[in-house]
Amino acid sequence: MSYGFDFYAADDEDILNMGEIGAPNRAFEIRLDQRNNGPIIFKERGAGLEGVVDVLKSHCEKHEHSNEVALLHKWLDDLITRRRSLVGTV
């Protein structure tokens, strides 16, 4: 199972329809499961999650002055919260 963010680039049609932040937000919803369905369940670790972090970092930096970047900050917060909840459970 791979999240598929290793070489992620938003589709031009997705950017047109959802915007430059909406497109990766939708990709996160699909690949990590929607946040509103409960906590994120990690399906892999290591390199697979590194791709997720890289995409979040690059889009947050590129759009740091946009109000919409809050969507991506929420993903980051959810990922960190989930990781912290797992510390000591393995």
C-alpha atoms as a PDB file:
ATOM      1  CA  MET A   1       0.000   0.000   0.000  1.00  0.00           C
ATOM      2  CA  SER A   2       1.390   3.379  -0.940  1.00  0.00           C
ATOM      3  CA  TYR A   3      -0.052   6.820  -0.416  1.00  0.00           C
ATOM      4  CA  GLY A   4       1.382   7.798  -3.790  1.00  0.00           C
ATOM      5  CA  PHE A   5       2.745  11.212  -2.866  1.00  0.00           C
ATOM      6  CA  ASP A   6       6.366  10.397  -3.749  1.00  0.00           C
ATOM      7  CA  PHE A   7       6.052  12.186  -7.094  1.00  0.00           C
ATOM      8  CA  TYR A   8       2.756  14.018  -6.552  1.00  0.00           C
ATOM      9  CA  ALA A   9       1.705  16.742  -8.951  1.00  0.00           C
ATOM     10  CA  ALA A  10      -1.864  17.979  -8.988  1.00  0.00           C
ATOM     11  CA  ASP A  11      -3.763  17.313 -12.181  1.00  0.00           C
ATOM     12  CA  ASP A  12      -4.373  20.471 -14.268  1.00  0.00           C
ATOM     13  CA  GLU A  13      -8.113  19.783 -14.315  1.00  0.00           C
ATOM     14  CA  ASP A  14      -8.190  19.408 -10.525  1.00  0.00           C
ATOM     15  CA  ILE A  15      -6.347  22.714 -10.130  1.00  0.00           C
ATOM     16  CA  LEU A  16      -8.800  24.386 -12.504  1.00  0.00           C
ATOM     17  CA  ASN A  17     -11.815  22.959 -10.656  1.00  0.00           C
ATOM     18  CA  MET A  18     -10.588  23.113  -7.047  1.00  0.00           C
ATOM     19  CA  GLY A  19      -7.710  25.580  -7.008  1.00  0.00           C
ATOM     20  CA  GLU A  20      -4.046  25.124  -6.155  1.00  0.00           C
ATOM     21  CA  ILE A  21      -4.792  24.258  -2.534  1.00  0.00           C
ATOM     22  CA  GLY A  22      -8.087  22.486  -3.084  1.00  0.00           C
ATOM     23  CA  ALA A  23      -6.490  19.960  -5.435  1.00  0.00           C
ATOM     24  CA  PRO A  24      -3.915  18.594  -2.961  1.00  0.00           C
ATOM     25  CA  ASN A  25      -6.521  18.831  -0.187  1.00  0.00           C
ATOM     26  CA  ARG A  26      -8.767  16.527  -2.212  1.00  0.00           C
ATOM     27  CA  ALA A  27      -5.836  14.183  -2.879  1.00  0.00           C
ATOM     28  CA  PHE A  28      -5.263  13.951   0.882  1.00  0.00           C
ATOM     29  CA  GLU A  29      -8.958  13.227   1.452  1.00  0.00           C
ATOM     30  CA  ILE A  30      -8.847  10.378  -1.043  1.00  0.00           C
ATOM     31  CA  ARG A  31      -5.475   8.875  -0.137  1.00  0.00           C
ATOM     32  CA  LEU A  32      -5.560   9.319   3.652  1.00  0.00           C
ATOM     33  CA  ASP A  33      -9.320   8.917   4.037  1.00  0.00           C
ATOM     34  CA  GLN A  34     -11.458  11.892   4.905  1.00  0.00           C
ATOM     35  CA  ARG A  35     -10.762  13.527   8.236  1.00  0.00           C
ATOM     36  CA  ASN A  36     -14.440  13.837   9.092  1.00  0.00           C
ATOM     37  CA  ASN A  37     -14.658  10.034   9.277  1.00  0.00           C
ATOM     38  CA  GLY A  38     -12.512   9.943  12.403  1.00  0.00           C
ATOM     39  CA  PRO A  39      -8.776   9.963  13.004  1.00  0.00           C
ATOM     40  CA  ILE A  40      -6.319   9.246  10.237  1.00  0.00           C
ATOM     41  CA  ILE A  41      -5.286   5.609  10.224  1.00  0.00           C
ATOM     42  CA  PHE A  42      -1.676   5.176   9.125  1.00  0.00           C
ATOM     43  CA  LYS A  43      -1.518   2.428   6.524  1.00  0.00           C
ATOM     44  CA  GLU A  44       2.250   2.644   6.139  1.00  0.00           C
ATOM     45  CA  ARG A  45       5.271   4.342   7.597  1.00  0.00           C
ATOM     46  CA  GLY A  46       8.683   5.486   6.479  1.00  0.00           C
ATOM     47  CA  ALA A  47       9.120   6.579   2.891  1.00  0.00           C
ATOM     48  CA  GLY A  48       5.389   6.522   2.160  1.00  0.00           C
ATOM     49  CA  LEU A  49       4.689   9.094   4.826  1.00  0.00           C
ATOM     50  CA  GLU A  50       7.706  11.170   3.844  1.00  0.00           C
ATOM     51  CA  GLY A  51       6.012  11.891   0.510  1.00  0.00           C
ATOM     52  CA  VAL A  52       2.957  13.183   2.371  1.00  0.00           C
ATOM     53  CA  VAL A  53       5.161  15.508   4.432  1.00  0.00           C
ATOM     54  CA  ASP A  54       7.021  16.739   1.355  1.00  0.00           C
ATOM     55  CA  VAL A  55       3.783  17.646  -0.445  1.00  0.00           C
ATOM     56  CA  LEU A  56       2.392  19.410   2.622  1.00  0.00           C
ATOM     57  CA  LYS A  57       5.609  21.344   3.143  1.00  0.00           C
ATOM     58  CA  SER A  58       5.967  22.480  -0.455  1.00  0.00           C
ATOM     59  CA  HIS A  59       2.336  23.610  -0.775  1.00  0.00           C
ATOM     60  CA  CYS A  60       2.314  25.335   2.623  1.00  0.00           C
ATOM     61  CA  GLU A  61       5.477  27.255   1.724  1.00  0.00           C
ATOM     62  CA  LYS A  62       4.283  28.128  -1.782  1.00  0.00           C
ATOM     63  CA  HIS A  63       0.924  29.426  -0.544  1.00  0.00           C
ATOM     64  CA  GLU A  64       1.948  30.748   2.871  1.00  0.00           C
ATOM     65  CA  HIS A  65       0.095  34.039   2.327  1.00  0.00           C
ATOM     66  CA  SER A  66      -3.167  32.446   1.241  1.00  0.00           C
ATOM     67  CA  ASN A  67      -6.035  32.024   3.697  1.00  0.00           C
ATOM     68  CA  GLU A  68      -6.816  28.688   2.045  1.00  0.00           C
ATOM     69  CA  VAL A  69      -3.516  27.213   3.262  1.00  0.00           C
ATOM     70  CA  ALA A  70      -5.369  26.618   6.546  1.00  0.00           C
ATOM     71  CA  LEU A  71      -6.790  23.483   4.875  1.00  0.00           C
ATOM     72  CA  LEU A  72      -3.292  22.066   4.556  1.00  0.00           C
ATOM     73  CA  HIS A  73      -2.315  23.207   8.053  1.00  0.00           C
ATOM     74  CA  LYS A  74      -5.299  21.220   9.336  1.00  0.00           C
ATOM     75  CA  TRP A  75      -3.949  18.094   7.618  1.00  0.00           C
ATOM     76  CA  LEU A  76      -0.587  18.691   9.237  1.00  0.00           C
ATOM     77  CA  ASP A  77      -2.204  19.124  12.653  1.00  0.00           C
ATOM     78  CA  ASP A  78      -4.273  15.958  12.173  1.00  0.00           C
ATOM     79  CA  LEU A  79      -1.206  13.941  11.145  1.00  0.00           C
ATOM     80  CA  ILE A  80       0.818  15.203  14.116  1.00  0.00           C
ATOM     81  CA  THR A  81      -2.055  14.567  16.536  1.00  0.00           C
ATOM     82  CA  ARG A  82      -2.490  11.036  15.218  1.00  0.00           C
ATOM     83  CA  ARG A  83       1.229  10.314  15.457  1.00  0.00           C
ATOM     84  CA  ARG A  84       1.346  11.591  19.031  1.00  0.00           C
ATOM     85  CA  SER A  85      -1.606   9.402  19.943  1.00  0.00           C
ATOM     86  CA  LEU A  86       0.357   6.351  18.770  1.00  0.00           C
ATOM     87  CA  VAL A  87       3.520   7.041  20.769  1.00  0.00           C
ATOM     88  CA  GLY A  88       4.023   4.190  23.175  1.00  0.00           C
ATOM     89  CA  THR A  89       1.296   2.015  21.650  1.00  0.00           C
ATOM     90  CA  VAL A  90       3.590  -0.170  19.576  1.00  0.00           C
END
